[in-house]
């Protein structure tokens, strides 16, 4: 029950209720017929984002023009009987299906009944309907213009996603040291995918509520993390192939722990890539394995090392692709984090 109440969009419901009342009062103040329809238009106008609201209003006005053009000959030829309204509605539905304007049908169907009740299409009834649409849609657009920013929610989901990936890195570091480590860390990819999907949804809402400048940083960020997670999946599969733990596993485990401790939005990964290169050169200087098992397990470690390099390069390239001001902002966050 508690989850049910938490999922209700109280702010949206309140905005619609208040906006509908204001729209009706304005329509009555201007002496419009069927003033209550302005409240219904406001109800249908308010969407989850500014972009959806504006697009819906444009579709509604365009469909109103189509509906008026259809109503004029039908009501003139066949009169204003209920079956004549059925003809108008049928033609309106077919037109909207063709144009993919299905969401504009309900209110324009109501407007078609206004024409029917008024005895047909006239300049007066058309003007009355246009004003109702203008008032109802205008109130709805104004209400959605003051949408609460969900940037804090995005940043919190971003933090949770990074923490899940950090936890996976800790598990990898531990699993490389011992084959007896539990496989629980492998299941975190389900949670990572869920968080990434939820984060993308919030980012889309964030972008659609931006009026002028489109700040796509968060979208780039989640795409980068998803690419890194694909690499981590492969590393996880490789780790599980280890049958024995070679002595070279300990330095690699320590490096992954270092990665986990420095896993942060603002890390440019330059230092980590240098450390990884040093580890790679150290491995190259060591003698080759002399047994089949040792060779296979050393090969697994080598593959893991190469994939870790790719993992870090993805973040490095993302960081370098950002504007200088954005690089400075997130690097300062990293310095404060450390």
Protein backbone atom coordinates (compact mmCIF):
# COMPACT_ATOMS: atom_id res chain seq x y z
CA UNK A 1 0.00 0.00 0.00
CA UNK A 2 2.84 2.37 0.87
CA UNK A 3 4.48 1.74 -2.51
CA UNK A 4 1.16 2.52 -4.20
CA UNK A 5 0.87 5.93 -2.55
CA UNK A 6 4.52 6.70 -3.32
CA UNK A 7 3.99 6.05 -7.03
CA UNK A 8 1.14 8.56 -7.35
CA UNK A 9 2.16 11.75 -9.14
CA UNK A 10 0.70 14.18 -6.61
CA UNK A 11 2.20 17.28 -8.19
CA UNK A 12 0.90 16.40 -11.65
CA UNK A 13 -2.60 15.67 -10.29
CA UNK A 14 -2.65 18.96 -8.40
CA UNK A 15 -1.48 20.92 -11.44
CA UNK A 16 -4.17 19.37 -13.64
CA UNK A 17 -6.93 20.04 -11.11
CA UNK A 18 -5.94 23.67 -10.55
CA UNK A 19 -5.27 24.28 -14.24
CA UNK A 20 -8.65 22.85 -15.28
CA UNK A 21 -10.48 25.14 -12.86
CA UNK A 22 -8.53 28.19 -14.08
CA UNK A 23 -9.24 27.29 -17.72
CA UNK A 24 -12.99 26.97 -17.07
CA UNK A 25 -13.10 30.27 -15.18
CA UNK A 26 -11.25 32.04 -18.00
CA UNK A 27 -13.59 30.58 -20.60
CA UNK A 28 -16.61 31.71 -18.59
CA UNK A 29 -15.08 35.16 -18.15
CA UNK A 30 -14.85 35.51 -21.94
CA UNK A 31 -18.46 34.33 -22.25
CA UNK A 32 -17.61 31.21 -24.25
CA UNK A 33 -20.11 28.43 -24.81
CA UNK A 34 -19.29 24.98 -23.36
CA UNK A 35 -16.70 26.52 -21.02
CA UNK A 36 -16.19 23.21 -19.20
CA UNK A 37 -14.46 21.84 -22.30
CA UNK A 38 -11.55 24.18 -21.62
CA UNK A 39 -10.89 22.25 -18.40
CA UNK A 40 -10.93 18.93 -20.27
CA UNK A 41 -8.48 20.34 -22.83
CA UNK A 42 -6.14 21.32 -19.99
CA UNK A 43 -6.40 17.79 -18.59
CA UNK A 44 -5.42 16.27 -21.94
CA UNK A 45 -2.67 18.82 -22.55
CA UNK A 46 -0.59 18.28 -19.40
CA UNK A 47 2.02 15.57 -20.09
CA UNK A 48 5.14 14.39 -18.29
CA UNK A 49 7.51 16.71 -20.18
CA UNK A 50 7.47 20.12 -21.83
CA UNK A 51 8.26 18.66 -25.24
CA UNK A 52 5.39 16.16 -25.09
CA UNK A 53 3.00 18.92 -23.99
CA UNK A 54 3.94 21.31 -26.81
CA UNK A 55 3.84 18.59 -29.47
CA UNK A 56 0.46 17.38 -28.21
CA UNK A 57 -0.96 20.92 -28.41
CA UNK A 58 0.27 21.34 -31.98
CA UNK A 59 -1.32 18.01 -32.98
CA UNK A 60 -4.57 19.05 -31.29
CA UNK A 61 -4.80 22.33 -33.22
CA UNK A 62 -3.92 20.65 -36.52
CA UNK A 63 -6.55 17.98 -35.93
CA UNK A 64 -9.11 20.68 -35.05
CA UNK A 65 -8.62 22.14 -38.52
CA UNK A 66 -9.17 18.71 -40.09
CA UNK A 67 -12.26 18.10 -37.95
CA UNK A 68 -13.79 21.49 -38.88
CA UNK A 69 -13.21 20.86 -42.60
CA UNK A 70 -14.89 17.45 -42.27
CA UNK A 71 -17.80 18.76 -40.18
CA UNK A 72 -18.70 21.60 -42.54
CA UNK A 73 -20.02 19.51 -45.49
CA UNK A 74 -21.31 16.59 -43.39
CA UNK A 75 -23.49 18.71 -41.10
CA UNK A 76 -24.56 20.89 -44.02
CA UNK A 77 -25.66 17.97 -46.18
CA UNK A 78 -26.93 15.47 -43.61
CA UNK A 79 -28.01 17.78 -40.81
CA UNK A 80 -27.04 17.51 -37.16
CA UNK A 81 -28.49 14.12 -36.33
CA UNK A 82 -26.45 11.71 -34.17
CA UNK A 83 -25.64 9.51 -37.17
CA UNK A 84 -24.15 12.54 -38.93
CA UNK A 85 -21.82 12.96 -35.95
CA UNK A 86 -20.91 9.29 -36.42
CA UNK A 87 -19.80 10.04 -39.99
CA UNK A 88 -17.68 12.96 -38.80
CA UNK A 89 -16.15 10.83 -36.06
CA UNK A 90 -15.37 7.99 -38.47
CA UNK A 91 -13.63 10.33 -40.92
CA UNK A 92 -11.81 12.03 -38.06
CA UNK A 93 -10.55 8.72 -36.68
CA UNK A 94 -9.33 7.56 -40.10
CA UNK A 95 -7.54 10.87 -40.66
CA UNK A 96 -5.86 10.77 -37.23
CA UNK A 97 -4.80 7.15 -37.67
CA UNK A 98 -3.24 8.12 -41.00
CA UNK A 99 -1.39 11.08 -39.46
CA UNK A 100 -0.57 9.25 -36.18
CA UNK A 101 -2.45 11.94 -34.23
CA UNK A 102 -4.51 9.49 -32.15
CA UNK A 103 -4.04 11.49 -28.94
CA UNK A 104 -5.83 14.47 -30.55
CA UNK A 105 -9.05 12.53 -31.23
CA UNK A 106 -10.90 12.80 -27.86
CA UNK A 107 -11.04 16.57 -27.49
CA UNK A 108 -11.76 17.16 -31.19
CA UNK A 109 -14.55 14.61 -31.04
CA UNK A 110 -16.02 16.73 -28.22
CA UNK A 111 -15.60 19.84 -30.42
CA UNK A 112 -17.49 18.03 -33.19
CA UNK A 113 -20.43 17.58 -30.79
CA UNK A 114 -20.32 21.34 -30.15
CA UNK A 115 -20.85 21.91 -33.86
CA UNK A 116 -23.68 19.38 -33.85
CA UNK A 117 -25.44 20.98 -30.88
CA UNK A 118 -24.99 24.46 -32.40
CA UNK A 119 -26.69 23.37 -35.63
CA UNK A 120 -23.57 23.20 -37.77
CA UNK A 121 -20.31 24.99 -38.48
CA UNK A 122 -20.32 28.79 -38.42
CA UNK A 123 -17.83 31.57 -37.81
CA UNK A 124 -19.21 32.00 -34.30
CA UNK A 125 -18.98 28.34 -33.31
CA UNK A 126 -15.55 27.96 -34.90
CA UNK A 127 -14.25 31.05 -33.06
CA UNK A 128 -15.71 29.74 -29.81
CA UNK A 129 -13.96 26.37 -30.29
CA UNK A 130 -10.64 27.97 -31.19
CA UNK A 131 -10.72 30.09 -28.02
CA UNK A 132 -11.53 27.03 -25.91
CA UNK A 133 -8.57 25.21 -27.43
CA UNK A 134 -6.32 28.21 -26.97
CA UNK A 135 -7.26 28.69 -23.31
CA UNK A 136 -7.14 24.99 -22.38
CA UNK A 137 -3.90 24.26 -24.23
CA UNK A 138 -2.33 27.52 -23.11
CA UNK A 139 -2.99 26.77 -19.44
CA UNK A 140 -1.62 23.23 -19.89
CA UNK A 141 1.57 24.44 -21.58
CA UNK A 142 2.10 27.09 -18.90
CA UNK A 143 1.70 24.50 -16.15
CA UNK A 144 4.24 22.18 -17.76
CA UNK A 145 6.68 25.04 -18.30
CA UNK A 146 7.43 24.97 -14.59
CA UNK A 147 8.44 21.32 -14.35
CA UNK A 148 10.55 20.32 -11.33
CA UNK A 149 14.11 19.49 -12.43
CA UNK A 150 15.05 15.82 -11.97
CA UNK A 151 18.81 16.44 -12.14
CA UNK A 152 19.28 15.47 -8.48
CA UNK A 153 17.53 12.16 -9.14
CA UNK A 154 19.78 11.58 -12.15
CA UNK A 155 22.89 12.27 -10.09
CA UNK A 156 21.69 9.88 -7.38
CA UNK A 157 21.05 7.10 -9.91
CA UNK A 158 24.41 7.88 -11.48
CA UNK A 159 26.05 7.43 -8.07
CA UNK A 160 24.20 4.14 -7.47
CA UNK A 161 25.25 2.82 -10.88
CA UNK A 162 28.89 3.65 -10.19
CA UNK A 163 28.70 1.99 -6.77
CA UNK A 164 27.36 -1.21 -8.33
CA UNK A 165 30.22 -1.23 -10.83
CA UNK A 166 32.70 -0.50 -8.02
CA UNK A 167 31.31 -3.48 -6.09
CA UNK A 168 31.78 -5.67 -9.15
CA UNK A 169 35.42 -4.57 -9.42
CA UNK A 170 35.99 -5.48 -5.76
CA UNK A 171 34.52 -8.93 -6.42
CA UNK A 172 36.79 -9.39 -9.44
CA UNK A 173 39.86 -8.45 -7.43
CA UNK A 174 38.92 -11.01 -4.77
CA UNK A 175 37.97 -13.74 -7.26
CA UNK A 176 41.32 -13.49 -9.05
CA UNK A 177 43.11 -14.25 -5.75
CA UNK A 178 41.09 -17.37 -4.95
CA UNK A 179 38.91 -19.77 -6.94
CA UNK A 180 36.87 -20.40 -3.79
CA UNK A 181 35.37 -16.90 -3.83
CA UNK A 182 31.57 -16.82 -4.17
CA UNK A 183 29.99 -16.07 -7.55
CA UNK A 184 27.61 -13.45 -6.12
CA UNK A 185 29.47 -10.58 -7.77
CA UNK A 186 28.50 -11.96 -11.15
CA UNK A 187 24.81 -11.35 -10.42
CA UNK A 188 25.30 -7.59 -9.99
CA UNK A 189 25.07 -7.13 -13.75
CA UNK A 190 21.29 -7.51 -13.48
CA UNK A 191 21.16 -4.62 -11.01
CA UNK A 192 23.54 -2.61 -13.18
CA UNK A 193 21.30 -3.04 -16.23
CA UNK A 194 18.22 -2.06 -14.22
CA UNK A 195 19.92 1.07 -12.89
CA UNK A 196 21.24 2.01 -16.34
CA UNK A 197 17.76 1.61 -17.85
CA UNK A 198 16.15 3.70 -15.11
CA UNK A 199 18.87 6.32 -15.46
CA UNK A 200 18.27 6.55 -19.21
CA UNK A 201 14.55 7.08 -18.64
CA UNK A 202 15.21 9.94 -16.22
CA UNK A 203 17.74 11.46 -18.63
CA UNK A 204 15.16 11.43 -21.44
CA UNK A 205 12.70 13.27 -19.20
CA UNK A 206 15.48 15.72 -18.28
CA UNK A 207 16.28 16.38 -21.96
CA UNK A 208 12.64 16.82 -22.95
CA UNK A 209 12.17 19.38 -20.17
CA UNK A 210 15.05 21.52 -21.42
CA UNK A 211 13.70 24.43 -23.40
CA UNK A 212 16.67 25.73 -25.34
CA UNK A 213 20.09 24.18 -24.77
CA UNK A 214 20.21 20.38 -24.76
CA UNK A 215 22.66 19.19 -22.10
CA UNK A 216 23.49 15.68 -23.34
CA UNK A 217 26.34 15.04 -20.87
CA UNK A 218 24.32 12.58 -18.79
CA UNK A 219 23.28 10.60 -21.87
CA UNK A 220 26.90 10.34 -22.99
CA UNK A 221 27.87 9.30 -19.49
CA UNK A 222 25.40 6.43 -19.18
CA UNK A 223 26.34 5.22 -22.70
CA UNK A 224 30.00 5.17 -21.64
CA UNK A 225 29.21 3.20 -18.47
CA UNK A 226 27.13 0.69 -20.43
CA UNK A 227 30.02 0.15 -22.82
CA UNK A 228 32.33 -0.41 -19.85
CA UNK A 229 29.87 -2.90 -18.34
CA UNK A 230 29.91 -4.92 -21.55
CA UNK A 231 33.68 -5.22 -21.14
CA UNK A 232 33.30 -6.16 -17.46
CA UNK A 233 30.97 -8.99 -18.43
CA UNK A 234 33.70 -10.46 -20.62
CA UNK A 235 36.29 -10.04 -17.86
CA UNK A 236 33.94 -11.77 -15.43
CA UNK A 237 33.62 -14.75 -17.78
CA UNK A 238 37.40 -14.94 -18.12
CA UNK A 239 37.94 -14.83 -14.35
CA UNK A 240 35.64 -17.80 -13.91
CA UNK A 241 37.89 -19.81 -16.26
CA UNK A 242 40.76 -19.70 -13.75
CA UNK A 243 41.37 -23.19 -12.36
CA UNK A 244 44.49 -22.33 -10.38
CA UNK A 245 45.80 -19.04 -9.09
CA UNK A 246 49.23 -18.17 -10.53
CA UNK A 247 51.56 -15.90 -8.60
CA UNK A 248 51.01 -13.19 -11.21
CA UNK A 249 47.37 -12.91 -10.08
CA UNK A 250 48.22 -10.97 -6.92
CA UNK A 251 49.58 -7.81 -8.65
CA UNK A 252 46.62 -7.82 -11.04
CA UNK A 253 44.21 -8.19 -8.12
CA UNK A 254 45.86 -5.24 -6.38
CA UNK A 255 45.55 -3.17 -9.53
CA UNK A 256 41.82 -3.93 -9.83
CA UNK A 257 41.39 -2.92 -6.19
CA UNK A 258 43.13 0.34 -7.05
CA UNK A 259 40.71 0.80 -9.97
CA UNK A 260 37.78 0.22 -7.64
CA UNK A 261 39.05 2.74 -5.09
CA UNK A 262 39.52 5.37 -7.82
CA UNK A 263 36.34 4.55 -9.74
CA UNK A 264 34.69 7.94 -10.05
CA UNK A 265 32.99 10.16 -12.60
CA UNK A 266 35.87 12.65 -12.59
CA UNK A 267 38.80 10.23 -12.95
CA UNK A 268 40.46 10.73 -16.36
CA UNK A 269 42.15 7.31 -16.01
CA UNK A 270 45.54 8.62 -17.22
CA UNK A 271 47.34 7.48 -14.07
CA UNK A 272 45.60 4.10 -14.06
CA UNK A 273 46.56 3.46 -17.68
CA UNK A 274 50.21 4.22 -16.85
CA UNK A 275 50.08 1.82 -13.90
CA UNK A 276 48.52 -0.85 -16.08
CA UNK A 277 51.25 -0.40 -18.68
CA UNK A 278 53.89 -0.82 -15.95
CA UNK A 279 52.20 -4.03 -14.84
CA UNK A 280 52.13 -5.26 -18.43
CA UNK A 281 55.87 -4.62 -18.84
CA UNK A 282 56.53 -6.43 -15.55
CA UNK A 283 54.67 -9.50 -16.83
CA UNK A 284 56.66 -9.44 -20.09
CA UNK A 285 59.95 -9.67 -18.19
CA UNK A 286 58.90 -12.76 -16.26
CA UNK A 287 59.81 -16.26 -17.51
CA UNK A 288 57.27 -18.19 -19.54
CA UNK A 289 55.19 -20.91 -17.79
CA UNK A 290 56.51 -24.48 -18.07
CA UNK A 291 53.26 -26.45 -17.65
CA UNK A 292 50.02 -26.51 -19.58
CA UNK A 293 47.88 -25.44 -16.58
CA UNK A 294 50.19 -22.56 -15.80
CA UNK A 295 50.16 -21.45 -19.43
CA UNK A 296 46.34 -21.52 -19.65
CA UNK A 297 45.85 -19.59 -16.42
CA UNK A 298 48.54 -17.04 -17.35
CA UNK A 299 46.75 -16.62 -20.69
CA UNK A 300 43.53 -15.83 -18.87
CA UNK A 301 45.31 -13.18 -16.81
CA UNK A 302 46.75 -11.67 -19.99
CA UNK A 303 43.30 -11.46 -21.59
CA UNK A 304 41.94 -9.83 -18.44
CA UNK A 305 44.75 -7.28 -18.50
CA UNK A 306 44.05 -6.38 -22.14
CA UNK A 307 40.33 -5.98 -21.47
CA UNK A 308 41.06 -3.81 -18.43
CA UNK A 309 43.09 -1.55 -20.69
CA UNK A 310 40.11 -1.26 -23.04
CA UNK A 311 37.85 -0.59 -20.05
CA UNK A 312 40.02 2.33 -18.94
CA UNK A 313 40.49 3.66 -22.48
CA UNK A 314 36.71 3.93 -22.91
CA UNK A 315 36.57 6.27 -19.92
CA UNK A 316 39.70 8.13 -21.03
CA UNK A 317 38.25 8.79 -24.49
CA UNK A 318 34.96 9.91 -22.95
CA UNK A 319 36.80 12.36 -20.71
CA UNK A 320 38.89 13.80 -23.55
CA UNK A 321 35.78 14.23 -25.74
CA UNK A 322 34.23 16.61 -23.20
CA UNK A 323 34.58 20.40 -23.42
CA UNK A 324 37.42 21.80 -21.31
CA UNK A 325 35.01 23.42 -18.86
CA UNK A 326 33.20 20.11 -18.33
CA UNK A 327 36.51 18.29 -17.82
CA UNK A 328 37.49 20.79 -15.15
CA UNK A 329 34.13 20.43 -13.38
CA UNK A 330 34.17 16.65 -13.06
CA UNK A 331 37.92 16.53 -12.30
CA UNK A 332 37.34 18.87 -9.35
CA UNK A 333 34.63 16.47 -8.16
CA UNK A 334 37.17 13.63 -8.34
CA UNK A 335 39.79 15.60 -6.36
CA UNK A 336 37.21 16.38 -3.65
CA UNK A 337 36.19 12.70 -3.59
CA UNK A 338 39.77 11.59 -3.00
